[in-house]
PDB file of N, CA and C in Angstrom:
ATOM      1  N   MET A   1      65.013  21.647  -0.350  1.00  0.00           N
ATOM      2  CA  MET A   1      64.691  20.390   0.317  1.00  0.00           C
ATOM      3  C   MET A   1      63.330  20.462   0.996  1.00  0.00           C
ATOM      4  N   ALA A   2      63.075  21.547   1.707  1.00  0.00           N
ATOM      5  CA  ALA A   2      61.810  21.678   2.432  1.00  0.00           C
ATOM      6  C   ALA A   2      60.632  21.728   1.470  1.00  0.00           C
ATOM      7  N   GLU A   3      60.868  22.344   0.295  1.00  0.00           N
ATOM      8  CA  GLU A   3      59.784  22.433  -0.683  1.00  0.00           C
ATOM      9  C   GLU A   3      59.450  21.052  -1.237  1.00  0.00           C
ATOM     10  N   ASN A   4      60.461  20.220  -1.434  1.00  0.00           N
ATOM     11  CA  ASN A   4      60.228  18.850  -1.897  1.00  0.00           C
ATOM     12  C   ASN A   4      59.436  18.058  -0.857  1.00  0.00           C
ATOM     13  N   GLN A   5      59.781  18.248   0.398  1.00  0.00           N
ATOM     14  CA  GLN A   5      59.056  17.561   1.472  1.00  0.00           C
ATOM     15  C   GLN A   5      57.614  18.032   1.540  1.00  0.00           C
ATOM     16  N   LEU A   6      57.420  19.335   1.349  1.00  0.00           N
ATOM     17  CA  LEU A   6      56.065  19.886   1.356  1.00  0.00           C
ATOM     18  C   LEU A   6      55.250  19.329   0.199  1.00  0.00           C
ATOM     19  N   LYS A   7      55.839  19.232  -0.957  1.00  0.00           N
ATOM     20  CA  LYS A   7      55.139  18.682  -2.120  1.00  0.00           C
ATOM     21  C   LYS A   7      54.813  17.203  -1.896  1.00  0.00           C
ATOM     22  N   ALA A   8      55.751  16.474  -1.320  1.00  0.00           N
ATOM     23  CA  ALA A   8      55.516  15.057  -1.038  1.00  0.00           C
ATOM     24  C   ALA A   8      54.381  14.913  -0.018  1.00  0.00           C
ATOM     25  N   LEU A   9      54.400  15.772   1.001  1.00  0.00           N
ATOM     26  CA  LEU A   9      53.341  15.738   2.011  1.00  0.00           C
ATOM     27  C   LEU A   9      51.997  16.100   1.389  1.00  0.00           C
ATOM     28  N   GLU A  10      51.997  17.111   0.531  1.00  0.00           N
ATOM     29  CA  GLU A  10      50.765  17.527  -0.148  1.00  0.00           C
ATOM     30  C   GLU A  10      50.224  16.390  -1.015  1.00  0.00           C
ATOM     31  N   LYS A  11      51.130  15.696  -1.697  1.00  0.00           N
ATOM     32  CA  LYS A  11      50.724  14.560  -2.528  1.00  0.00           C
ATOM     33  C   LYS A  11      50.112  13.450  -1.675  1.00  0.00           C
ATOM     34  N   LYS A  12      50.744  13.156  -0.543  1.00  0.00           N
ATOM     35  CA  LYS A  12      50.213  12.116   0.348  1.00  0.00           C
ATOM     36  C   LYS A  12      48.850  12.518   0.917  1.00  0.00           C
ATOM     37  N   ILE A  13      48.694  13.777   1.249  1.00  0.00           N
ATOM     38  CA  ILE A  13      47.410  14.263   1.770  1.00  0.00           C
ATOM     39  C   ILE A  13      46.336  14.140   0.691  1.00  0.00           C
ATOM     40  N   ASP A  14      46.675  14.504  -0.536  1.00  0.00           N
ATOM     41  CA  ASP A  14      45.726  14.369  -1.647  1.00  0.00           C
ATOM     42  C   ASP A  14      45.336  12.908  -1.860  1.00  0.00           C
ATOM     43  N   GLU A  15      46.322  12.018  -1.742  1.00  0.00           N
ATOM     44  CA  GLU A  15      46.036  10.586  -1.881  1.00  0.00           C
ATOM     45  C   GLU A  15      45.119  10.105  -0.758  1.00  0.00           C
ATOM     46  N   LEU A  16      45.358  10.583   0.458  1.00  0.00           N
ATOM     47  CA  LEU A  16      44.507  10.215   1.596  1.00  0.00           C
ATOM     48  C   LEU A  16      43.083  10.734   1.413  1.00  0.00           C
ATOM     49  N   ILE A  17      42.963  11.963   0.920  1.00  0.00           N
ATOM     50  CA  ILE A  17      41.638  12.530   0.666  1.00  0.00           C
ATOM     51  C   ILE A  17      40.910  11.688  -0.385  1.00  0.00           C
ATOM     52  N   SER A  18      41.623  11.335  -1.433  1.00  0.00           N
ATOM     53  CA  SER A  18      41.040  10.510  -2.489  1.00  0.00           C
ATOM     54  C   SER A  18      40.628   9.147  -1.938  1.00  0.00           C
ATOM     55  N   LEU A  19      41.494   8.563  -1.125  1.00  0.00           N
ATOM     56  CA  LEU A  19      41.190   7.262  -0.525  1.00  0.00           C
ATOM     57  C   LEU A  19      39.960   7.358   0.375  1.00  0.00           C
ATOM     58  N   CYS A  20      39.888   8.400   1.187  1.00  0.00           N
ATOM     59  CA  CYS A  20      38.726   8.594   2.069  1.00  0.00           C
ATOM     60  C   CYS A  20      37.444   8.765   1.262  1.00  0.00           C
ATOM     61  N   THR A  21      37.534   9.526   0.180  1.00  0.00           N
ATOM     62  CA  THR A  21      36.368   9.722  -0.685  1.00  0.00           C
ATOM     63  C   THR A  21      35.912   8.391  -1.271  1.00  0.00           C
ATOM     64  N   ASN A  22      36.860   7.610  -1.759  1.00  0.00           N
ATOM     65  CA  ASN A  22      36.522   6.300  -2.325  1.00  0.00           C
ATOM     66  C   ASN A  22      35.947   5.366  -1.265  1.00  0.00           C
ATOM     67  N   LEU A  23      36.543   5.384  -0.080  1.00  0.00           N
ATOM     68  CA  LEU A  23      36.046   4.524   0.996  1.00  0.00           C
ATOM     69  C   LEU A  23      34.647   4.941   1.439  1.00  0.00           C
ATOM     70  N   ASN A  24      34.398   6.241   1.500  1.00  0.00           N
ATOM     71  CA  ASN A  24      33.059   6.708   1.853  1.00  0.00           C
ATOM     72  C   ASN A  24      32.037   6.273   0.810  1.00  0.00           C
ATOM     73  N   ARG A  25      32.400   6.392  -0.459  1.00  0.00           N
ATOM     74  CA  ARG A  25      31.509   5.970  -1.541  1.00  0.00           C
ATOM     75  C   ARG A  25      31.239   4.461  -1.455  1.00  0.00           C
ATOM     76  N   GLU A  26      32.292   3.696  -1.235  1.00  0.00           N
ATOM     77  CA  GLU A  26      32.152   2.243  -1.121  1.00  0.00           C
ATOM     78  C   GLU A  26      31.300   1.875   0.100  1.00  0.00           C
ATOM     79  N   ASN A  27      31.508   2.600   1.189  1.00  0.00           N
ATOM     80  CA  ASN A  27      30.736   2.347   2.404  1.00  0.00           C
ATOM     81  C   ASN A  27      29.248   2.594   2.153  1.00  0.00           C
ATOM     82  N   GLN A  28      28.932   3.689   1.471  1.00  0.00           N
ATOM     83  CA  GLN A  28      27.535   3.995   1.160  1.00  0.00           C
ATOM     84  C   GLN A  28      26.925   2.900   0.290  1.00  0.00           C
ATOM     85  N   THR A  29      27.692   2.438  -0.700  1.00  0.00           N
ATOM     86  CA  THR A  29      27.216   1.358  -1.568  1.00  0.00           C
ATOM     87  C   THR A  29      26.955   0.095  -0.759  1.00  0.00           C
ATOM     88  N   LEU A  30      27.873  -0.232   0.131  1.00  0.00           N
ATOM     89  CA  LEU A  30      27.707  -1.425   0.960  1.00  0.00           C
ATOM     90  C   LEU A  30      26.507  -1.299   1.892  1.00  0.00           C
ATOM     91  N   LYS A  31      26.280  -0.110   2.426  1.00  0.00           N
ATOM     92  CA  LYS A  31      25.111   0.106   3.285  1.00  0.00           C
ATOM     93  C   LYS A  31      23.822  -0.088   2.502  1.00  0.00           C
ATOM     94  N   LEU A  32      23.794   0.448   1.273  1.00  0.00           N
ATOM     95  CA  LEU A  32      22.604   0.275   0.434  1.00  0.00           C
ATOM     96  C   LEU A  32      22.400  -1.202   0.082  1.00  0.00           C
ATOM     97  N   ASP A  33      23.491  -1.889  -0.255  1.00  0.00           N
ATOM     98  CA  ASP A  33      23.400  -3.324  -0.547  1.00  0.00           C
ATOM     99  C   ASP A  33      22.891  -4.090   0.666  1.00  0.00           C
ATOM    100  N   SER A  34      23.420  -3.744   1.829  1.00  0.00           N
ATOM    101  CA  SER A  34      23.008  -4.412   3.063  1.00  0.00           C
ATOM    102  C   SER A  34      21.523  -4.208   3.322  1.00  0.00           C
ATOM    103  N   GLN A  35      21.048  -2.995   3.132  1.00  0.00           N
ATOM    104  CA  GLN A  35      19.626  -2.713   3.319  1.00  0.00           C
ATOM    105  C   GLN A  35      18.789  -3.504   2.314  1.00  0.00           C
ATOM    106  N   GLY A  36      19.279  -3.584   1.086  1.00  0.00           N
ATOM    107  CA  GLY A  36      18.574  -4.364   0.063  1.00  0.00           C
ATOM    108  C   GLY A  36      18.488  -5.834   0.432  1.00  0.00           C
ATOM    109  N   TRP A  37      19.605  -6.386   0.917  1.00  0.00           N
ATOM    110  CA  TRP A  37      19.594  -7.797   1.326  1.00  0.00           C
ATOM    111  C   TRP A  37      18.685  -8.011   2.526  1.00  0.00           C
ATOM    112  N   HIS A  38      18.666  -7.044   3.422  1.00  0.00           N
ATOM    113  CA  HIS A  38      17.785  -7.143   4.595  1.00  0.00           C
ATOM    114  C   HIS A  38      16.320  -7.151   4.150  1.00  0.00           C
ATOM    115  N   ASN A  39      15.978  -6.259   3.234  1.00  0.00           N
ATOM    116  CA  ASN A  39      14.610  -6.210   2.729  1.00  0.00           C
ATOM    117  C   ASN A  39      14.241  -7.498   1.999  1.00  0.00           C
ATOM    118  N   GLU A  40      15.178  -8.024   1.211  1.00  0.00           N
ATOM    119  CA  GLU A  40      14.945  -9.286   0.506  1.00  0.00           C
ATOM    120  C   GLU A  40      14.730 -10.425   1.506  1.00  0.00           C
ATOM    121  N   ARG A  41      15.517 -10.438   2.565  1.00  0.00           N
ATOM    122  CA  ARG A  41      15.375 -11.470   3.602  1.00  0.00           C
ATOM    123  C   ARG A  41      13.989 -11.398   4.245  1.00  0.00           C
ATOM    124  N   LEU A  42      13.543 -10.181   4.569  1.00  0.00           N
ATOM    125  CA  LEU A  42      12.215 -10.023   5.165  1.00  0.00           C
ATOM    126  C   LEU A  42      11.129 -10.492   4.209  1.00  0.00           C
ATOM    127  N   ARG A  43      11.293 -10.176   2.916  1.00  0.00           N
ATOM    128  CA  ARG A  43      10.313 -10.604   1.922  1.00  0.00           C
ATOM    129  C   ARG A  43      10.269 -12.124   1.825  1.00  0.00           C
ATOM    130  N   LEU A  44      11.433 -12.759   1.834  1.00  0.00           N
ATOM    131  CA  LEU A  44      11.494 -14.214   1.754  1.00  0.00           C
ATOM    132  C   LEU A  44      10.910 -14.875   3.005  1.00  0.00           C
ATOM    133  N   ILE A  45      11.156 -14.293   4.154  1.00  0.00           N
ATOM    134  CA  ILE A  45      10.581 -14.835   5.395  1.00  0.00           C
ATOM    135  C   ILE A  45       9.062 -14.765   5.340  1.00  0.00           C
ATOM    136  N   ALA A  46       8.530 -13.631   4.881  1.00  0.00           N
ATOM    137  CA  ALA A  46       7.078 -13.479   4.776  1.00  0.00           C
ATOM    138  C   ALA A  46       6.511 -14.474   3.775  1.00  0.00           C
ATOM    139  N   SER A  47       7.194 -14.651   2.652  1.00  0.00           N
ATOM    140  CA  SER A  47       6.748 -15.606   1.636  1.00  0.00           C
ATOM    141  C   SER A  47       6.777 -17.028   2.181  1.00  0.00           C
ATOM    142  N   ASN A  48       7.815 -17.352   2.918  1.00  0.00           N
ATOM    143  CA  ASN A  48       7.940 -18.674   3.525  1.00  0.00           C
ATOM    144  C   ASN A  48       6.825 -18.908   4.545  1.00  0.00           C
ATOM    145  N   ASP A  49       6.527 -17.907   5.351  1.00  0.00           N
ATOM    146  CA  ASP A  49       5.451 -18.029   6.336  1.00  0.00           C
ATOM    147  C   ASP A  49       4.106 -18.242   5.658  1.00  0.00           C
ATOM    148  N   LEU A  50       3.864 -17.512   4.564  1.00  0.00           N
ATOM    149  CA  LEU A  50       2.617 -17.668   3.821  1.00  0.00           C
ATOM    150  C   LEU A  50       2.511 -19.076   3.248  1.00  0.00           C
ATOM    151  N   ALA A  51       3.602 -19.569   2.676  1.00  0.00           N
ATOM    152  CA  ALA A  51       3.608 -20.931   2.120  1.00  0.00           C
ATOM    153  C   ALA A  51       3.364 -21.954   3.226  1.00  0.00           C
ATOM    154  N   ARG A  52       3.990 -21.757   4.373  1.00  0.00           N
ATOM    155  CA  ARG A  52       3.808 -22.683   5.489  1.00  0.00           C
ATOM    156  C   ARG A  52       2.346 -22.703   5.940  1.00  0.00           C
ATOM    157  N   THR A  53       1.747 -21.532   6.026  1.00  0.00           N
ATOM    158  CA  THR A  53       0.351 -21.433   6.439  1.00  0.00           C
ATOM    159  C   THR A  53      -0.559 -22.161   5.450  1.00  0.00           C
ATOM    160  N   LYS A  54      -0.298 -21.970   4.155  1.00  0.00           N
ATOM    161  CA  LYS A  54      -1.117 -22.629   3.133  1.00  0.00           C
ATOM    162  C   LYS A  54      -0.958 -24.143   3.185  1.00  0.00           C
ATOM    163  N   VAL A  55       0.265 -24.618   3.367  1.00  0.00           N
ATOM    164  CA  VAL A  55       0.508 -26.057   3.443  1.00  0.00           C
ATOM    165  C   VAL A  55      -0.177 -26.637   4.685  1.00  0.00           C
ATOM    166  N   GLU A  56      -0.069 -25.950   5.802  1.00  0.00           N
ATOM    167  CA  GLU A  56      -0.726 -26.428   7.023  1.00  0.00           C
ATOM    168  C   GLU A  56      -2.240 -26.481   6.842  1.00  0.00           C
ATOM    169  N   ALA A  57      -2.798 -25.497   6.153  1.00  0.00           N
ATOM    170  CA  ALA A  57      -4.242 -25.479   5.898  1.00  0.00           C
ATOM    171  C   ALA A  57      -4.630 -26.650   5.004  1.00  0.00           C
ATOM    172  N   MET A  58      -3.831 -26.937   3.990  1.00  0.00           N
ATOM    173  CA  MET A  58      -4.123 -28.079   3.113  1.00  0.00           C
ATOM    174  C   MET A  58      -4.039 -29.387   3.883  1.00  0.00           C
ATOM    175  N   ILE A  59      -3.045 -29.511   4.737  1.00  0.00           N
ATOM    176  CA  ILE A  59      -2.906 -30.736   5.542  1.00  0.00           C
ATOM    177  C   ILE A  59      -4.121 -30.899   6.450  1.00  0.00           C
ATOM    178  N   ASN A  60      -4.543 -29.810   7.083  1.00  0.00           N
ATOM    179  CA  ASN A  60      -5.715 -29.885   7.957  1.00  0.00           C
ATOM    180  C   ASN A  60      -6.967 -30.277   7.183  1.00  0.00           C
ATOM    181  N   ARG A  61      -7.140 -29.737   5.971  1.00  0.00           N
ATOM    182  CA  ARG A  61      -8.302 -30.107   5.159  1.00  0.00           C
ATOM    183  C   ARG A  61      -8.236 -31.567   4.756  1.00  0.00           C
ATOM    184  N   LEU A  62      -7.051 -32.039   4.392  1.00  0.00           N
ATOM    185  CA  LEU A  62      -6.898 -33.455   4.019  1.00  0.00           C
ATOM    186  C   LEU A  62      -7.186 -34.373   5.209  1.00  0.00           C
ATOM    187  N   GLN A  63      -6.721 -33.974   6.386  1.00  0.00           N
ATOM    188  CA  GLN A  63      -6.993 -34.774   7.584  1.00  0.00           C
ATOM    189  C   GLN A  63      -8.477 -34.789   7.889  1.00  0.00           C
ATOM    190  N   ALA A  64      -9.147 -33.664   7.710  1.00  0.00           N
ATOM    191  CA  ALA A  64     -10.588 -33.591   7.945  1.00  0.00           C
ATOM    192  C   ALA A  64     -11.324 -34.468   6.948  1.00  0.00           C
ATOM    193  N   LEU A  65     -10.916 -34.448   5.696  1.00  0.00           N
ATOM    194  CA  LEU A  65     -11.538 -35.302   4.678  1.00  0.00           C
ATOM    195  C   LEU A  65     -11.307 -36.770   5.000  1.00  0.00           C
ATOM    196  N   GLU A  66     -10.117 -37.080   5.482  1.00  0.00           N
ATOM    197  CA  GLU A  66      -9.775 -38.470   5.814  1.00  0.00           C
ATOM    198  C   GLU A  66     -10.631 -38.950   6.991  1.00  0.00           C
ATOM    199  N   GLN A  67     -10.880 -38.105   7.955  1.00  0.00           N
ATOM    200  CA  GLN A  67     -11.686 -38.492   9.106  1.00  0.00           C
ATOM    201  C   GLN A  67     -13.147 -38.653   8.732  1.00  0.00           C
ATOM    202  N   GLN A  68     -13.607 -37.929   7.732  1.00  0.00           N
ATOM    203  CA  GLN A  68     -15.002 -38.044   7.290  1.00  0.00           C
ATOM    204  C   GLN A  68     -15.234 -39.341   6.568  1.00  0.00           C
ATOM    205  N   SER A  69     -14.183 -39.907   5.990  1.00  0.00           N
ATOM    206  CA  SER A  69     -14.336 -41.141   5.203  1.00  0.00           C
ATOM    207  C   SER A  69     -14.480 -42.358   6.067  1.00  0.00           C
TER     208      SER A  69
END
């Protein structure tokens, strides 16, 4: 009886180790994905700021041309 309990416990421990390994792997993947999304967000913010600056410059030039007329 005790040997059966030991084997069952050993099996559960092996399953827990496997689960922890899988969770650690998944966690690392999620961290990498999160970093990638963060970098993409920063890139998009910079691109948006550049576009905004260009549009504002065009508006200012158009207003200057309009005032000259």
